[in-house]
Protein backbone atom coordinates (compact mmCIF):
# COMPACT_ATOMS: atom_id res chain seq x y z
CA UNK A 1 94.33 3.92 6.28
CA UNK A 2 96.57 2.08 3.84
CA UNK A 3 97.48 5.36 2.17
CA UNK A 4 98.37 6.89 5.54
CA UNK A 5 100.49 3.86 6.45
CA UNK A 6 102.33 4.15 3.11
CA UNK A 7 102.89 7.84 3.83
CA UNK A 8 104.44 7.03 7.24
CA UNK A 9 106.80 4.54 5.57
CA UNK A 10 107.82 6.91 2.76
CA UNK A 11 108.17 10.08 4.87
CA UNK A 12 111.07 8.47 6.76
CA UNK A 13 113.14 9.05 3.62
CA UNK A 14 113.18 12.77 4.42
CA UNK A 15 115.39 12.25 7.48
CA UNK A 16 118.01 10.10 5.78
CA UNK A 17 120.93 10.43 3.35
CA UNK A 18 122.51 13.09 5.59
CA UNK A 19 125.07 15.20 3.80
CA UNK A 20 127.15 17.93 5.41
CA UNK A 21 128.15 20.94 3.34
CA UNK A 22 128.84 24.56 4.21
CA UNK A 23 128.35 23.73 7.91
CA UNK A 24 124.79 22.47 7.37
CA UNK A 25 123.18 19.06 7.07
CA UNK A 26 120.68 18.29 4.36
CA UNK A 27 119.18 15.24 2.70
CA UNK A 28 121.29 14.47 -0.34
CA UNK A 29 118.43 12.73 -2.12
CA UNK A 30 115.53 15.05 -1.15
CA UNK A 31 116.57 18.67 -0.77
CA UNK A 32 114.40 20.51 -3.27
CA UNK A 33 110.67 21.07 -3.34
CA UNK A 34 110.37 19.06 -6.56
CA UNK A 35 112.18 16.05 -5.06
CA UNK A 36 110.03 16.15 -1.92
CA UNK A 37 106.93 16.55 -4.09
CA UNK A 38 107.91 13.49 -6.13
CA UNK A 39 108.28 11.43 -2.95
CA UNK A 40 105.14 12.55 -1.11
CA UNK A 41 102.91 14.33 -3.64
CA UNK A 42 100.62 11.35 -4.00
CA UNK A 43 99.87 11.54 -0.26
CA UNK A 44 99.66 15.28 0.40
CA UNK A 45 97.91 18.38 -0.82
CA UNK A 46 99.92 21.51 -1.58
CA UNK A 47 99.00 22.93 1.86
CA UNK A 48 100.00 19.68 3.55
CA UNK A 49 103.32 19.67 1.71
CA UNK A 50 104.00 23.28 2.77
CA UNK A 51 103.27 22.45 6.40
CA UNK A 52 105.51 19.37 6.32
CA UNK A 53 108.38 21.28 4.70
CA UNK A 54 108.03 24.10 7.24
CA UNK A 55 108.09 21.58 10.11
CA UNK A 56 111.31 19.92 8.94
CA UNK A 57 113.32 22.31 6.79
CA UNK A 58 114.53 25.82 6.25
CA UNK A 59 115.48 27.18 2.86
CA UNK A 60 119.20 27.79 2.43
CA UNK A 61 120.10 29.12 -0.99
CA UNK A 62 118.71 26.64 -3.49
CA UNK A 63 118.14 23.71 -1.14
CA UNK A 64 116.20 22.77 1.92
CA UNK A 65 118.34 22.01 4.96
CA UNK A 66 117.16 20.51 8.22
CA UNK A 67 115.82 22.82 10.92
CA UNK A 68 118.02 23.69 13.88
CA UNK A 69 116.95 20.83 16.17
CA UNK A 70 117.91 18.30 13.51
CA UNK A 71 121.14 20.18 12.76
CA UNK A 72 122.06 20.12 16.43
CA UNK A 73 121.32 16.41 16.74
CA UNK A 74 123.35 15.52 13.64
CA UNK A 75 126.26 17.71 14.78
CA UNK A 76 126.37 16.04 18.18
CA UNK A 77 125.20 12.55 17.23
CA UNK A 78 126.02 10.18 20.03
CA UNK A 79 126.31 12.89 22.69
CA UNK A 80 123.84 13.28 25.54
CA UNK A 81 122.79 16.82 24.53
CA UNK A 82 120.00 15.58 22.30
CA UNK A 83 118.70 12.19 21.34
CA UNK A 84 117.08 10.81 18.24
CA UNK A 85 113.75 10.40 19.95
CA UNK A 86 113.82 13.85 21.53
CA UNK A 87 114.38 15.41 18.10
CA UNK A 88 111.75 13.33 16.29
CA UNK A 89 109.05 12.90 18.92
CA UNK A 90 106.88 15.86 17.78
CA UNK A 91 107.31 15.13 14.06
CA UNK A 92 106.13 12.69 11.40
CA UNK A 93 109.42 10.86 12.03
CA UNK A 94 108.23 9.66 15.45
CA UNK A 95 108.63 5.87 15.21
CA UNK A 96 105.70 5.37 17.58
CA UNK A 97 103.23 6.57 14.94
CA UNK A 98 103.48 3.27 13.13
CA UNK A 99 102.75 1.48 16.40
CA UNK A 100 99.37 3.16 16.97
CA UNK A 101 96.77 0.44 16.54
CA UNK A 102 93.69 0.90 14.37
CA UNK A 103 91.55 0.48 17.52
CA UNK A 104 93.18 3.60 19.00
CA UNK A 105 92.53 5.71 15.92
CA UNK A 106 89.24 7.52 15.43
CA UNK A 107 88.31 8.09 11.80
CA UNK A 108 85.43 10.36 10.96
CA UNK A 109 84.20 12.82 8.35
CA UNK A 110 83.49 16.45 9.12
CA UNK A 111 82.43 18.96 6.46
CA UNK A 112 84.05 16.96 3.65
CA UNK A 113 87.28 16.41 5.56
CA UNK A 114 88.34 12.96 6.75
CA UNK A 115 89.97 13.18 10.16
CA UNK A 116 92.24 10.64 11.80
CA UNK A 117 92.61 11.26 15.48
CA UNK A 118 94.38 9.52 18.34
CA UNK A 119 94.61 11.09 21.79
CA UNK A 120 97.31 10.21 24.31
CA UNK A 121 97.68 6.65 23.02
CA UNK A 122 100.24 4.69 25.06
CA UNK A 123 103.00 3.32 22.85
CA UNK A 124 105.37 0.89 24.51
CA UNK A 125 108.84 0.82 22.99
CA UNK A 126 110.30 -1.62 25.50
CA UNK A 127 109.63 -3.11 28.91
CA UNK A 128 110.82 -0.87 31.74
CA UNK A 129 112.91 -3.65 33.26
CA UNK A 130 114.46 -4.79 29.95
CA UNK A 131 118.23 -4.37 29.85
CA UNK A 132 118.13 -4.86 26.08
CA UNK A 133 115.45 -2.18 25.73
CA UNK A 134 117.41 0.30 27.82
CA UNK A 135 120.62 -0.32 25.90
CA UNK A 136 119.06 -0.35 22.42
CA UNK A 137 116.27 2.22 22.77
CA UNK A 138 116.99 4.10 25.96
CA UNK A 139 120.31 5.33 24.64
CA UNK A 140 118.48 6.85 21.68
CA UNK A 141 116.22 8.73 24.10
CA UNK A 142 113.17 6.51 23.81
CA UNK A 143 111.06 6.24 26.95
CA UNK A 144 109.79 2.76 27.72
CA UNK A 145 106.26 4.14 27.15
CA UNK A 146 105.23 7.38 25.49
CA UNK A 147 101.77 8.85 24.99
CA UNK A 148 101.17 10.03 21.44
CA UNK A 149 98.48 12.19 19.96
CA UNK A 150 97.93 12.37 16.23
CA UNK A 151 95.64 14.67 14.27
CA UNK A 152 95.44 14.25 10.49
CA UNK A 153 93.10 16.05 8.10
CA UNK A 154 92.60 14.56 4.65
CA UNK A 155 90.64 16.07 1.79
CA UNK A 156 89.51 14.62 -1.49
CA UNK A 157 91.97 15.70 -4.17
CA UNK A 158 92.17 14.20 -7.66
CA UNK A 159 89.86 11.28 -6.79
CA UNK A 160 91.85 10.25 -3.72
CA UNK A 161 92.26 11.51 -0.18
CA UNK A 162 95.39 13.49 0.56
CA UNK A 163 96.81 14.84 3.79
CA UNK A 164 96.09 18.52 4.24
CA UNK A 165 97.44 18.80 7.80
CA UNK A 166 99.25 16.55 10.23
CA UNK A 167 100.11 17.20 13.86
CA UNK A 168 102.02 14.92 16.21
CA UNK A 169 102.39 15.55 19.94
CA UNK A 170 104.08 13.43 22.53
């Protein structure tokens, strides 16, 4: 669990350091496979890394740039066309993932694979009647409560468990 929590903290770095060049946004600090591998390699297998990269990026020349949904959000940041939460809700960037309590997470082993699973866990971002919540979170597209599902497969790799697959639904 501690390794997964560290992963959730570190993965946020992939949607940061936004740089705009040639009409595309990319992460100035992490835009090559080697840089992403250096950041997350201790947490993920090669297959897991491929899945994560495919979920977030597309290859453009010699760098990874954000997929279209992220591009659209960054191009129109602050508009009502898309919101931060709408863009991140089905990804590892969903801020609610770090709010899932250990009690809501099932951890079990199946055929040598450790699975972390949470199904439709209610995550409350703010009280429905909170003016502060609406102004601070609602404007970013957060619902007061969302229901998150998380499926993570981890395999033993180099004497530690690494993420082979991760799926987030909201």
